[in-house]
Amino acid sequence: MKKYLLPILIVVSLLAYFVFNNQKSKVQSFPDSEADLVLFWGVGCPHCEIVKTYIKDNNLETKLKIAYKEVYNGQENQKLLISTVAKCPEIDSSRGIGVPLGFDNKASKCLYGDTPIIEWLKTK
């Protein structure tokens, strides 16, 4: 039994490694300024999940550069969200800023809410 223990541990360790690595989110390999879409989202936000699921289900990460910015737990991303919304006078931020919010770098346009973001994604 002892001679099988080491190979079993190695196999279990390798499986755990591959499962863990597949679940990690992709590391962004481009600057935000080169992203086709900067997507501000929050953990637990149901409308954000709708957008993220649409992106995943339609394999859009293979077609577009999407920079994901989680704002509930990331102060730097919160600051970036505020500065991004400042570029969009059509958004009234006097009562706060919600997510999901997408920013189209090329058009310098904000997309506020799941429906406008998904409509934009459909054109790509």
N, C-alpha and C. Protein backbone atom coordinates (compact mmCIF):
# COMPACT_ATOMS: atom_id res chain seq x y z
N MET A 1 0.82 -1.20 0.00
CA MET A 1 0.00 0.00 0.00
C MET A 1 0.86 1.26 0.00
N LYS A 2 1.97 1.22 0.74
CA LYS A 2 2.83 2.41 0.84
C LYS A 2 3.45 2.76 -0.51
N LYS A 3 3.71 1.76 -1.35
CA LYS A 3 4.35 2.06 -2.63
C LYS A 3 3.38 2.79 -3.58
N TYR A 4 2.07 2.69 -3.33
CA TYR A 4 1.09 3.38 -4.16
C TYR A 4 0.76 4.77 -3.63
N LEU A 5 1.13 5.04 -2.40
CA LEU A 5 0.77 6.30 -1.78
C LEU A 5 1.42 7.50 -2.49
N LEU A 6 2.70 7.42 -2.79
CA LEU A 6 3.39 8.54 -3.44
C LEU A 6 2.82 8.82 -4.83
N PRO A 7 2.65 7.81 -5.71
CA PRO A 7 2.05 8.12 -7.02
C PRO A 7 0.63 8.70 -6.91
N ILE A 8 -0.15 8.22 -5.96
CA ILE A 8 -1.50 8.74 -5.77
C ILE A 8 -1.44 10.21 -5.34
N LEU A 9 -0.55 10.53 -4.41
CA LEU A 9 -0.39 11.91 -3.97
C LEU A 9 0.05 12.81 -5.11
N ILE A 10 0.93 12.32 -5.95
CA ILE A 10 1.40 13.12 -7.09
C ILE A 10 0.25 13.39 -8.05
N VAL A 11 -0.52 12.36 -8.36
CA VAL A 11 -1.66 12.53 -9.28
C VAL A 11 -2.68 13.50 -8.70
N VAL A 12 -3.01 13.35 -7.43
CA VAL A 12 -3.98 14.25 -6.78
C VAL A 12 -3.45 15.69 -6.78
N SER A 13 -2.17 15.86 -6.50
CA SER A 13 -1.57 17.19 -6.50
C SER A 13 -1.62 17.83 -7.88
N LEU A 14 -1.31 17.06 -8.91
CA LEU A 14 -1.35 17.59 -10.27
C LEU A 14 -2.78 17.97 -10.68
N LEU A 15 -3.74 17.13 -10.33
CA LEU A 15 -5.13 17.45 -10.63
C LEU A 15 -5.58 18.74 -9.94
N ALA A 16 -5.23 18.85 -8.68
CA ALA A 16 -5.59 20.05 -7.92
C ALA A 16 -4.94 21.29 -8.55
N TYR A 17 -3.70 21.16 -8.97
CA TYR A 17 -2.99 22.28 -9.60
C TYR A 17 -3.71 22.73 -10.87
N PHE A 18 -4.06 21.79 -11.75
CA PHE A 18 -4.70 22.14 -13.01
C PHE A 18 -6.11 22.69 -12.80
N VAL A 19 -6.84 22.15 -11.86
CA VAL A 19 -8.18 22.66 -11.58
C VAL A 19 -8.08 24.09 -11.06
N PHE A 20 -7.16 24.35 -10.14
CA PHE A 20 -6.99 25.68 -9.57
C PHE A 20 -6.58 26.68 -10.65
N ASN A 21 -5.65 26.31 -11.50
CA ASN A 21 -5.18 27.24 -12.53
C ASN A 21 -6.26 27.56 -13.55
N ASN A 22 -7.14 26.63 -13.85
CA ASN A 22 -8.21 26.89 -14.79
C ASN A 22 -9.26 27.82 -14.21
N GLN A 23 -9.38 27.89 -12.89
CA GLN A 23 -10.38 28.73 -12.26
C GLN A 23 -9.89 30.16 -12.04
N LYS A 24 -8.60 30.38 -12.09
CA LYS A 24 -8.08 31.73 -11.89
C LYS A 24 -8.48 32.62 -13.05
N SER A 25 -8.77 33.87 -12.75
CA SER A 25 -9.12 34.78 -13.83
C SER A 25 -7.88 35.14 -14.63
N LYS A 26 -8.11 35.46 -15.89
CA LYS A 26 -7.00 35.78 -16.77
C LYS A 26 -6.36 37.08 -16.35
N VAL A 27 -5.04 37.12 -16.44
CA VAL A 27 -4.32 38.33 -16.12
C VAL A 27 -4.31 39.20 -17.37
N GLN A 28 -4.66 40.43 -17.21
CA GLN A 28 -4.70 41.36 -18.33
C GLN A 28 -3.29 41.60 -18.82
N SER A 29 -3.06 41.42 -20.11
CA SER A 29 -1.72 41.57 -20.67
C SER A 29 -1.61 42.80 -21.56
N PHE A 30 -2.47 43.78 -21.35
CA PHE A 30 -2.44 45.00 -22.14
C PHE A 30 -2.85 46.17 -21.26
N PRO A 31 -2.40 47.37 -21.60
CA PRO A 31 -2.81 48.53 -20.80
C PRO A 31 -4.29 48.85 -21.03
N ASP A 32 -4.92 49.46 -20.04
CA ASP A 32 -6.34 49.81 -20.15
C ASP A 32 -6.62 50.65 -21.39
N SER A 33 -5.68 51.51 -21.75
CA SER A 33 -5.88 52.40 -22.90
C SER A 33 -6.00 51.62 -24.22
N GLU A 34 -5.52 50.38 -24.25
CA GLU A 34 -5.62 49.56 -25.46
C GLU A 34 -6.84 48.64 -25.44
N ALA A 35 -7.58 48.65 -24.36
CA ALA A 35 -8.77 47.80 -24.26
C ALA A 35 -9.88 48.32 -25.16
N ASP A 36 -10.59 47.39 -25.77
CA ASP A 36 -11.78 47.78 -26.54
C ASP A 36 -12.88 48.20 -25.58
N LEU A 37 -12.93 47.53 -24.44
CA LEU A 37 -13.94 47.81 -23.42
C LEU A 37 -13.31 47.67 -22.04
N VAL A 38 -13.51 48.68 -21.22
CA VAL A 38 -13.16 48.59 -19.81
C VAL A 38 -14.47 48.32 -19.09
N LEU A 39 -14.55 47.19 -18.42
CA LEU A 39 -15.79 46.79 -17.76
C LEU A 39 -15.64 46.90 -16.25
N PHE A 40 -16.35 47.85 -15.67
CA PHE A 40 -16.38 48.02 -14.22
C PHE A 40 -17.52 47.15 -13.69
N TRP A 41 -17.22 46.33 -12.70
CA TRP A 41 -18.20 45.39 -12.17
C TRP A 41 -17.96 45.21 -10.68
N GLY A 42 -18.90 44.53 -10.01
CA GLY A 42 -18.77 44.28 -8.58
C GLY A 42 -19.16 42.86 -8.24
N VAL A 43 -18.46 42.31 -7.25
CA VAL A 43 -18.77 40.96 -6.76
C VAL A 43 -20.19 40.94 -6.22
N GLY A 44 -20.98 39.98 -6.66
CA GLY A 44 -22.35 39.85 -6.18
C GLY A 44 -23.37 40.69 -6.94
N CYS A 45 -22.93 41.47 -7.90
CA CYS A 45 -23.83 42.31 -8.69
C CYS A 45 -24.49 41.46 -9.76
N PRO A 46 -25.82 41.26 -9.70
CA PRO A 46 -26.49 40.38 -10.67
C PRO A 46 -26.43 40.91 -12.10
N HIS A 47 -26.50 42.21 -12.29
CA HIS A 47 -26.44 42.76 -13.64
C HIS A 47 -25.03 42.62 -14.23
N CYS A 48 -24.03 42.69 -13.36
CA CYS A 48 -22.64 42.48 -13.80
C CYS A 48 -22.46 41.04 -14.28
N GLU A 49 -23.06 40.11 -13.55
CA GLU A 49 -22.96 38.69 -13.93
C GLU A 49 -23.62 38.43 -15.27
N ILE A 50 -24.70 39.14 -15.56
CA ILE A 50 -25.36 38.99 -16.86
C ILE A 50 -24.39 39.37 -17.97
N VAL A 51 -23.69 40.48 -17.80
CA VAL A 51 -22.74 40.94 -18.81
C VAL A 51 -21.57 39.96 -18.92
N LYS A 52 -21.01 39.56 -17.79
CA LYS A 52 -19.86 38.64 -17.81
C LYS A 52 -20.24 37.29 -18.43
N THR A 53 -21.44 36.82 -18.14
CA THR A 53 -21.91 35.56 -18.72
C THR A 53 -22.08 35.70 -20.23
N TYR A 54 -22.63 36.84 -20.67
CA TYR A 54 -22.79 37.08 -22.11
C TYR A 54 -21.42 37.06 -22.81
N ILE A 55 -20.44 37.71 -22.20
CA ILE A 55 -19.09 37.75 -22.78
C ILE A 55 -18.53 36.34 -22.88
N LYS A 56 -18.68 35.57 -21.81
CA LYS A 56 -18.15 34.20 -21.79
C LYS A 56 -18.89 33.31 -22.79
N ASP A 57 -20.21 33.34 -22.77
CA ASP A 57 -21.01 32.47 -23.63
C ASP A 57 -20.79 32.74 -25.11
N ASN A 58 -20.43 33.98 -25.44
CA ASN A 58 -20.22 34.35 -26.84
C ASN A 58 -18.73 34.44 -27.21
N ASN A 59 -17.88 33.94 -26.32
CA ASN A 59 -16.43 33.88 -26.59
C ASN A 59 -15.86 35.23 -27.01
N LEU A 60 -16.34 36.30 -26.42
CA LEU A 60 -15.94 37.63 -26.86
C LEU A 60 -14.52 38.00 -26.43
N GLU A 61 -13.98 37.32 -25.43
CA GLU A 61 -12.61 37.62 -25.02
C GLU A 61 -11.60 37.23 -26.08
N THR A 62 -12.01 36.38 -27.03
CA THR A 62 -11.11 36.02 -28.13
C THR A 62 -11.18 37.06 -29.25
N LYS A 63 -12.21 37.90 -29.24
CA LYS A 63 -12.40 38.90 -30.29
C LYS A 63 -12.06 40.31 -29.83
N LEU A 64 -12.23 40.56 -28.54
CA LEU A 64 -12.07 41.90 -27.98
C LEU A 64 -11.08 41.90 -26.83
N LYS A 65 -10.44 43.03 -26.64
CA LYS A 65 -9.63 43.23 -25.44
C LYS A 65 -10.54 43.84 -24.39
N ILE A 66 -10.79 43.09 -23.33
CA ILE A 66 -11.69 43.55 -22.27
C ILE A 66 -10.90 43.63 -20.97
N ALA A 67 -10.89 44.82 -20.38
CA ALA A 67 -10.23 45.04 -19.10
C ALA A 67 -11.29 45.00 -18.01
N TYR A 68 -11.19 44.03 -17.12
CA TYR A 68 -12.16 43.88 -16.03
C TYR A 68 -11.66 44.63 -14.81
N LYS A 69 -12.52 45.46 -14.25
CA LYS A 69 -12.17 46.27 -13.08
C LYS A 69 -13.22 46.05 -11.99
N GLU A 70 -12.89 45.25 -10.99
CA GLU A 70 -13.79 44.98 -9.87
C GLU A 70 -13.70 46.16 -8.91
N VAL A 71 -14.83 46.79 -8.61
CA VAL A 71 -14.81 48.04 -7.86
C VAL A 71 -15.23 47.93 -6.40
N TYR A 72 -15.93 46.88 -6.02
CA TYR A 72 -16.38 46.78 -4.63
C TYR A 72 -15.21 46.57 -3.68
N ASN A 73 -14.21 45.85 -4.12
CA ASN A 73 -13.08 45.50 -3.25
C ASN A 73 -11.76 46.12 -3.69
N GLY A 74 -11.78 46.94 -4.73
CA GLY A 74 -10.53 47.51 -5.24
C GLY A 74 -10.56 49.02 -5.27
N GLN A 75 -9.84 49.65 -4.34
CA GLN A 75 -9.84 51.11 -4.25
C GLN A 75 -9.30 51.77 -5.52
N GLU A 76 -8.26 51.20 -6.10
CA GLU A 76 -7.70 51.78 -7.32
C GLU A 76 -8.74 51.74 -8.44
N ASN A 77 -9.48 50.64 -8.52
CA ASN A 77 -10.51 50.53 -9.55
C ASN A 77 -11.68 51.48 -9.28
N GLN A 78 -11.97 51.75 -8.00
CA GLN A 78 -13.00 52.72 -7.66
C GLN A 78 -12.60 54.11 -8.14
N LYS A 79 -11.33 54.46 -7.93
CA LYS A 79 -10.83 55.76 -8.39
C LYS A 79 -10.87 55.85 -9.90
N LEU A 80 -10.52 54.75 -10.56
CA LEU A 80 -10.55 54.72 -12.02
C LEU A 80 -11.99 54.86 -12.53
N LEU A 81 -12.93 54.24 -11.85
CA LEU A 81 -14.35 54.37 -12.23
C LEU A 81 -14.79 55.83 -12.14
N ILE A 82 -14.44 56.49 -11.06
CA ILE A 82 -14.82 57.89 -10.87
C ILE A 82 -14.23 58.77 -11.96
N SER A 83 -12.95 58.56 -12.27
CA SER A 83 -12.31 59.38 -13.31
C SER A 83 -12.87 59.05 -14.70
N THR A 84 -13.28 57.81 -14.89
CA THR A 84 -13.87 57.43 -16.18
C THR A 84 -15.24 58.07 -16.35
N VAL A 85 -16.06 58.04 -15.32
CA VAL A 85 -17.40 58.63 -15.39
C VAL A 85 -17.31 60.15 -15.61
N ALA A 86 -16.24 60.76 -15.13
CA ALA A 86 -16.05 62.20 -15.34
C ALA A 86 -15.92 62.53 -16.83
N LYS A 87 -15.55 61.55 -17.65
CA LYS A 87 -15.44 61.75 -19.10
C LYS A 87 -16.80 61.64 -19.79
N CYS A 88 -17.83 61.27 -19.03
CA CYS A 88 -19.14 60.98 -19.60
C CYS A 88 -20.20 61.90 -19.00
N PRO A 89 -20.37 63.07 -19.56
CA PRO A 89 -21.34 64.03 -18.98
C PRO A 89 -22.78 63.53 -19.02
N GLU A 90 -23.06 62.53 -19.85
CA GLU A 90 -24.44 62.01 -19.93
C GLU A 90 -24.82 61.20 -18.69
N ILE A 91 -23.84 60.86 -17.86
CA ILE A 91 -24.13 60.08 -16.65
C ILE A 91 -24.19 61.01 -15.45
N ASP A 92 -25.32 61.00 -14.76
CA ASP A 92 -25.50 61.80 -13.56
C ASP A 92 -24.93 61.01 -12.37
N SER A 93 -23.79 61.43 -11.89
CA SER A 93 -23.15 60.72 -10.79
C SER A 93 -23.39 61.41 -9.44
N SER A 94 -24.33 62.36 -9.41
CA SER A 94 -24.57 63.10 -8.17
C SER A 94 -25.13 62.21 -7.06
N ARG A 95 -25.77 61.09 -7.43
CA ARG A 95 -26.31 60.17 -6.42
C ARG A 95 -25.51 58.86 -6.37
N GLY A 96 -24.30 58.91 -6.86
CA GLY A 96 -23.46 57.72 -6.84
C GLY A 96 -23.31 57.13 -8.23
N ILE A 97 -22.44 56.16 -8.32
CA ILE A 97 -22.17 55.49 -9.60
C ILE A 97 -22.39 54.01 -9.39
N GLY A 98 -23.17 53.43 -10.26
CA GLY A 98 -23.45 52.00 -10.16
C GLY A 98 -22.67 51.20 -11.20
N VAL A 99 -22.75 49.91 -11.05
CA VAL A 99 -22.15 49.00 -12.02
C VAL A 99 -23.23 48.01 -12.46
N PRO A 100 -23.12 47.43 -13.62
CA PRO A 100 -21.95 47.46 -14.50
C PRO A 100 -21.89 48.76 -15.31
N LEU A 101 -20.68 49.14 -15.60
CA LEU A 101 -20.44 50.28 -16.45
C LEU A 101 -19.31 49.89 -17.40
N GLY A 102 -19.55 50.07 -18.66
CA GLY A 102 -18.53 49.80 -19.66
C GLY A 102 -18.03 51.11 -20.23
N PHE A 103 -16.76 51.12 -20.62
CA PHE A 103 -16.20 52.31 -21.27
C PHE A 103 -15.56 51.88 -22.57
N ASP A 104 -16.07 52.41 -23.67
CA ASP A 104 -15.55 52.17 -25.01
C ASP A 104 -14.43 53.18 -25.23
N ASN A 105 -13.19 52.71 -25.20
CA ASN A 105 -12.04 53.60 -25.35
C ASN A 105 -12.01 54.31 -26.69
N LYS A 106 -12.36 53.60 -27.75
CA LYS A 106 -12.26 54.18 -29.09
C LYS A 106 -13.25 55.33 -29.28
N ALA A 107 -14.46 55.17 -28.78
CA ALA A 107 -15.49 56.20 -28.93
C ALA A 107 -15.52 57.15 -27.73
N SER A 108 -14.74 56.83 -26.70
CA SER A 108 -14.74 57.58 -25.44
C SER A 108 -16.18 57.74 -24.93
N LYS A 109 -16.85 56.58 -24.82
CA LYS A 109 -18.27 56.56 -24.47
C LYS A 109 -18.53 55.59 -23.32
N CYS A 110 -19.37 56.02 -22.37
CA CYS A 110 -19.78 55.16 -21.27
C CYS A 110 -21.03 54.39 -21.66
N LEU A 111 -21.09 53.15 -21.20
CA LEU A 111 -22.24 52.28 -21.40
C LEU A 111 -22.71 51.88 -20.00
N TYR A 112 -23.85 52.38 -19.59
CA TYR A 112 -24.28 52.24 -18.20
C TYR A 112 -25.41 51.22 -18.10
N GLY A 113 -25.14 50.08 -17.49
CA GLY A 113 -26.14 49.04 -17.31
C GLY A 113 -25.90 47.85 -18.21
N ASP A 114 -26.51 46.72 -17.85
CA ASP A 114 -26.26 45.50 -18.61
C ASP A 114 -26.78 45.56 -20.04
N THR A 115 -27.96 46.13 -20.25
CA THR A 115 -28.54 46.15 -21.60
C THR A 115 -27.70 46.99 -22.57
N PRO A 116 -27.32 48.23 -22.25
CA PRO A 116 -26.49 48.98 -23.18
C PRO A 116 -25.13 48.32 -23.46
N ILE A 117 -24.55 47.69 -22.45
CA ILE A 117 -23.26 47.03 -22.65
C ILE A 117 -23.43 45.84 -23.59
N ILE A 118 -24.46 45.04 -23.37
CA ILE A 118 -24.69 43.87 -24.23
C ILE A 118 -25.04 44.31 -25.65
N GLU A 119 -25.83 45.36 -25.79
CA GLU A 119 -26.14 45.88 -27.14
C GLU A 119 -24.86 46.31 -27.85
N TRP A 120 -23.96 46.96 -27.13
CA TRP A 120 -22.67 47.36 -27.70
C TRP A 120 -21.87 46.14 -28.11
N LEU A 121 -21.83 45.12 -27.24
CA LEU A 121 -21.09 43.90 -27.52
C LEU A 121 -21.63 43.19 -28.76
N LYS A 122 -22.93 43.24 -28.97
CA LYS A 122 -23.54 42.60 -30.14
C LYS A 122 -23.05 43.20 -31.45
N THR A 123 -22.59 44.43 -31.41
CA THR A 123 -22.11 45.08 -32.64
C THR A 123 -20.66 44.72 -32.96
N LYS A 124 -20.04 44.01 -32.08
CA LYS A 124 -18.61 43.70 -32.27
C LYS A 124 -18.40 42.32 -32.86
